[in-house]
Amino acid sequence: MNTKETILQELEQTPEPLLGEVLHYLLYLKALHEEEMEDLEDIRIIREEIRREGTIPWEDVKKDLGLVD
């Protein structure tokens, strides 16, 4: 039996009042996964930009932000 079948079997045996909580948790996990995938895509894009354009020295960044004189 695979994971999906096991979950479906457990759902069949779960009392109705708990199913709302199960659904809420599943939607939370899916949203969390989607955010993680978006973050990973952002990291991939940034790594590609760094590979293509190089990096900026930290001191230059601080100067540009007015954090040092």
N, C-alpha and C. Protein backbone atom coordinates (compact mmCIF):
# COMPACT_ATOMS: atom_id res chain seq x y z
N MET A 1 0.85 -1.18 0.00
CA MET A 1 0.00 0.00 0.00
C MET A 1 0.90 1.24 0.00
N ASN A 2 0.60 2.18 -0.90
CA ASN A 2 1.41 3.39 -0.95
C ASN A 2 0.89 4.44 0.04
N THR A 3 1.60 5.53 0.14
CA THR A 3 1.27 6.57 1.12
C THR A 3 -0.12 7.14 0.91
N LYS A 4 -0.46 7.42 -0.33
CA LYS A 4 -1.78 8.00 -0.62
C LYS A 4 -2.90 7.05 -0.20
N GLU A 5 -2.74 5.77 -0.50
CA GLU A 5 -3.74 4.79 -0.11
C GLU A 5 -3.87 4.69 1.40
N THR A 6 -2.74 4.76 2.10
CA THR A 6 -2.76 4.71 3.56
C THR A 6 -3.48 5.92 4.13
N ILE A 7 -3.21 7.09 3.57
CA ILE A 7 -3.89 8.31 4.03
C ILE A 7 -5.39 8.20 3.79
N LEU A 8 -5.78 7.75 2.61
CA LEU A 8 -7.20 7.60 2.30
C LEU A 8 -7.87 6.61 3.25
N GLN A 9 -7.19 5.53 3.56
CA GLN A 9 -7.72 4.54 4.50
C GLN A 9 -7.90 5.17 5.89
N GLU A 10 -6.92 5.93 6.32
CA GLU A 10 -7.03 6.60 7.62
C GLU A 10 -8.16 7.63 7.62
N LEU A 11 -8.32 8.35 6.51
CA LEU A 11 -9.40 9.33 6.42
C LEU A 11 -10.77 8.66 6.54
N GLU A 12 -10.91 7.50 5.94
CA GLU A 12 -12.18 6.77 6.03
C GLU A 12 -12.53 6.42 7.47
N GLN A 13 -11.52 6.25 8.31
CA GLN A 13 -11.74 5.85 9.70
C GLN A 13 -11.71 7.04 10.66
N THR A 14 -11.57 8.24 10.13
CA THR A 14 -11.45 9.44 10.96
C THR A 14 -12.83 10.05 11.21
N PRO A 15 -13.14 10.39 12.46
CA PRO A 15 -14.42 11.02 12.76
C PRO A 15 -14.57 12.36 12.05
N GLU A 16 -15.77 12.67 11.63
CA GLU A 16 -16.06 13.89 10.88
C GLU A 16 -15.52 15.15 11.55
N PRO A 17 -15.65 15.31 12.88
CA PRO A 17 -15.14 16.55 13.49
C PRO A 17 -13.64 16.78 13.29
N LEU A 18 -12.87 15.71 13.13
CA LEU A 18 -11.43 15.85 12.94
C LEU A 18 -11.06 16.16 11.49
N LEU A 19 -11.94 15.87 10.56
CA LEU A 19 -11.62 16.05 9.15
C LEU A 19 -11.36 17.52 8.80
N GLY A 20 -12.05 18.44 9.46
CA GLY A 20 -11.79 19.87 9.24
C GLY A 20 -10.38 20.24 9.63
N GLU A 21 -9.93 19.69 10.77
CA GLU A 21 -8.56 19.95 11.21
C GLU A 21 -7.54 19.33 10.25
N VAL A 22 -7.84 18.14 9.77
CA VAL A 22 -6.95 17.47 8.81
C VAL A 22 -6.84 18.31 7.54
N LEU A 23 -7.97 18.79 7.05
CA LEU A 23 -7.97 19.62 5.85
C LEU A 23 -7.17 20.90 6.07
N HIS A 24 -7.39 21.54 7.21
CA HIS A 24 -6.67 22.78 7.53
C HIS A 24 -5.16 22.54 7.53
N TYR A 25 -4.74 21.45 8.16
CA TYR A 25 -3.31 21.13 8.24
C TYR A 25 -2.74 20.81 6.85
N LEU A 26 -3.49 20.08 6.05
CA LEU A 26 -3.03 19.75 4.70
C LEU A 26 -2.86 21.01 3.86
N LEU A 27 -3.81 21.93 3.94
CA LEU A 27 -3.70 23.19 3.20
C LEU A 27 -2.51 24.01 3.68
N TYR A 28 -2.26 23.99 5.00
CA TYR A 28 -1.09 24.68 5.56
C TYR A 28 0.20 24.08 4.99
N LEU A 29 0.29 22.76 4.98
CA LEU A 29 1.50 22.10 4.46
C LEU A 29 1.71 22.41 2.99
N LYS A 30 0.64 22.43 2.22
CA LYS A 30 0.76 22.73 0.79
C LYS A 30 1.22 24.17 0.57
N ALA A 31 0.69 25.11 1.36
CA ALA A 31 1.11 26.51 1.24
C ALA A 31 2.58 26.65 1.63
N LEU A 32 2.99 25.97 2.70
CA LEU A 32 4.38 26.00 3.14
C LEU A 32 5.30 25.46 2.05
N HIS A 33 4.90 24.36 1.44
CA HIS A 33 5.69 23.76 0.36
C HIS A 33 5.80 24.73 -0.82
N GLU A 34 4.70 25.39 -1.16
CA GLU A 34 4.72 26.34 -2.27
C GLU A 34 5.68 27.50 -1.98
N GLU A 35 5.66 28.01 -0.75
CA GLU A 35 6.59 29.08 -0.37
C GLU A 35 8.03 28.61 -0.48
N GLU A 36 8.30 27.40 -0.03
CA GLU A 36 9.65 26.86 -0.11
C GLU A 36 10.11 26.73 -1.56
N MET A 37 9.22 26.29 -2.43
CA MET A 37 9.56 26.17 -3.85
C MET A 37 9.84 27.55 -4.46
N GLU A 38 9.06 28.56 -4.06
CA GLU A 38 9.30 29.92 -4.55
C GLU A 38 10.65 30.43 -4.05
N ASP A 39 10.97 30.15 -2.77
CA ASP A 39 12.26 30.57 -2.22
C ASP A 39 13.41 29.89 -2.97
N LEU A 40 13.27 28.61 -3.25
CA LEU A 40 14.32 27.90 -3.99
C LEU A 40 14.50 28.47 -5.39
N GLU A 41 13.40 28.84 -6.03
CA GLU A 41 13.49 29.45 -7.36
C GLU A 41 14.19 30.80 -7.27
N ASP A 42 13.88 31.60 -6.23
CA ASP A 42 14.56 32.89 -6.03
C ASP A 42 16.06 32.68 -5.86
N ILE A 43 16.44 31.67 -5.07
CA ILE A 43 17.85 31.37 -4.85
C ILE A 43 18.52 30.97 -6.16
N ARG A 44 17.83 30.15 -6.96
CA ARG A 44 18.38 29.73 -8.25
C ARG A 44 18.63 30.94 -9.15
N ILE A 45 17.69 31.88 -9.17
CA ILE A 45 17.83 33.08 -9.99
C ILE A 45 19.00 33.92 -9.51
N ILE A 46 19.11 34.10 -8.20
CA ILE A 46 20.20 34.90 -7.63
C ILE A 46 21.55 34.25 -7.93
N ARG A 47 21.64 32.93 -7.77
CA ARG A 47 22.90 32.24 -8.07
C ARG A 47 23.29 32.42 -9.53
N GLU A 48 22.31 32.38 -10.41
CA GLU A 48 22.59 32.57 -11.83
C GLU A 48 23.08 33.99 -12.09
N GLU A 49 22.46 34.99 -11.43
CA GLU A 49 22.90 36.38 -11.59
C GLU A 49 24.33 36.55 -11.08
N ILE A 50 24.64 35.95 -9.94
CA ILE A 50 25.99 36.05 -9.38
C ILE A 50 26.99 35.39 -10.33
N ARG A 51 26.63 34.22 -10.86
CA ARG A 51 27.53 33.53 -11.80
C ARG A 51 27.77 34.39 -13.04
N ARG A 52 26.73 35.03 -13.51
CA ARG A 52 26.81 35.81 -14.74
C ARG A 52 27.50 37.16 -14.51
N GLU A 53 27.18 37.83 -13.40
CA GLU A 53 27.63 39.21 -13.20
C GLU A 53 28.72 39.35 -12.14
N GLY A 54 28.95 38.35 -11.34
CA GLY A 54 29.92 38.45 -10.26
C GLY A 54 29.27 39.00 -9.00
N THR A 55 30.10 39.27 -8.02
CA THR A 55 29.59 39.77 -6.74
C THR A 55 30.08 41.19 -6.50
N ILE A 56 29.47 41.83 -5.51
CA ILE A 56 29.84 43.19 -5.11
C ILE A 56 30.48 43.09 -3.73
N PRO A 57 31.63 43.73 -3.52
CA PRO A 57 32.25 43.69 -2.20
C PRO A 57 31.30 44.24 -1.13
N TRP A 58 31.30 43.61 0.04
CA TRP A 58 30.41 43.98 1.15
C TRP A 58 30.60 45.45 1.54
N GLU A 59 31.80 45.93 1.54
CA GLU A 59 32.06 47.33 1.90
C GLU A 59 31.36 48.28 0.93
N ASP A 60 31.33 47.94 -0.35
CA ASP A 60 30.63 48.78 -1.33
C ASP A 60 29.12 48.79 -1.06
N VAL A 61 28.58 47.65 -0.69
CA VAL A 61 27.15 47.58 -0.37
C VAL A 61 26.84 48.48 0.82
N LYS A 62 27.67 48.40 1.87
CA LYS A 62 27.45 49.23 3.06
C LYS A 62 27.55 50.71 2.72
N LYS A 63 28.50 51.08 1.87
CA LYS A 63 28.63 52.48 1.46
C LYS A 63 27.40 52.93 0.68
N ASP A 64 26.93 52.09 -0.24
CA ASP A 64 25.74 52.42 -1.04
C ASP A 64 24.51 52.61 -0.17
N LEU A 65 24.45 51.88 0.94
CA LEU A 65 23.31 52.00 1.85
C LEU A 65 23.50 53.09 2.89
N GLY A 66 24.66 53.75 2.86
CA GLY A 66 24.93 54.81 3.82
C GLY A 66 25.22 54.31 5.22
N LEU A 67 25.71 53.08 5.32
CA LEU A 67 25.99 52.50 6.64
C LEU A 67 27.39 52.83 7.14
N VAL A 68 28.26 53.28 6.24
CA VAL A 68 29.61 53.69 6.62
C VAL A 68 29.93 54.98 5.88
N ASP A 69 30.91 55.71 6.41
CA ASP A 69 31.31 56.98 5.78
C ASP A 69 32.28 56.76 4.66
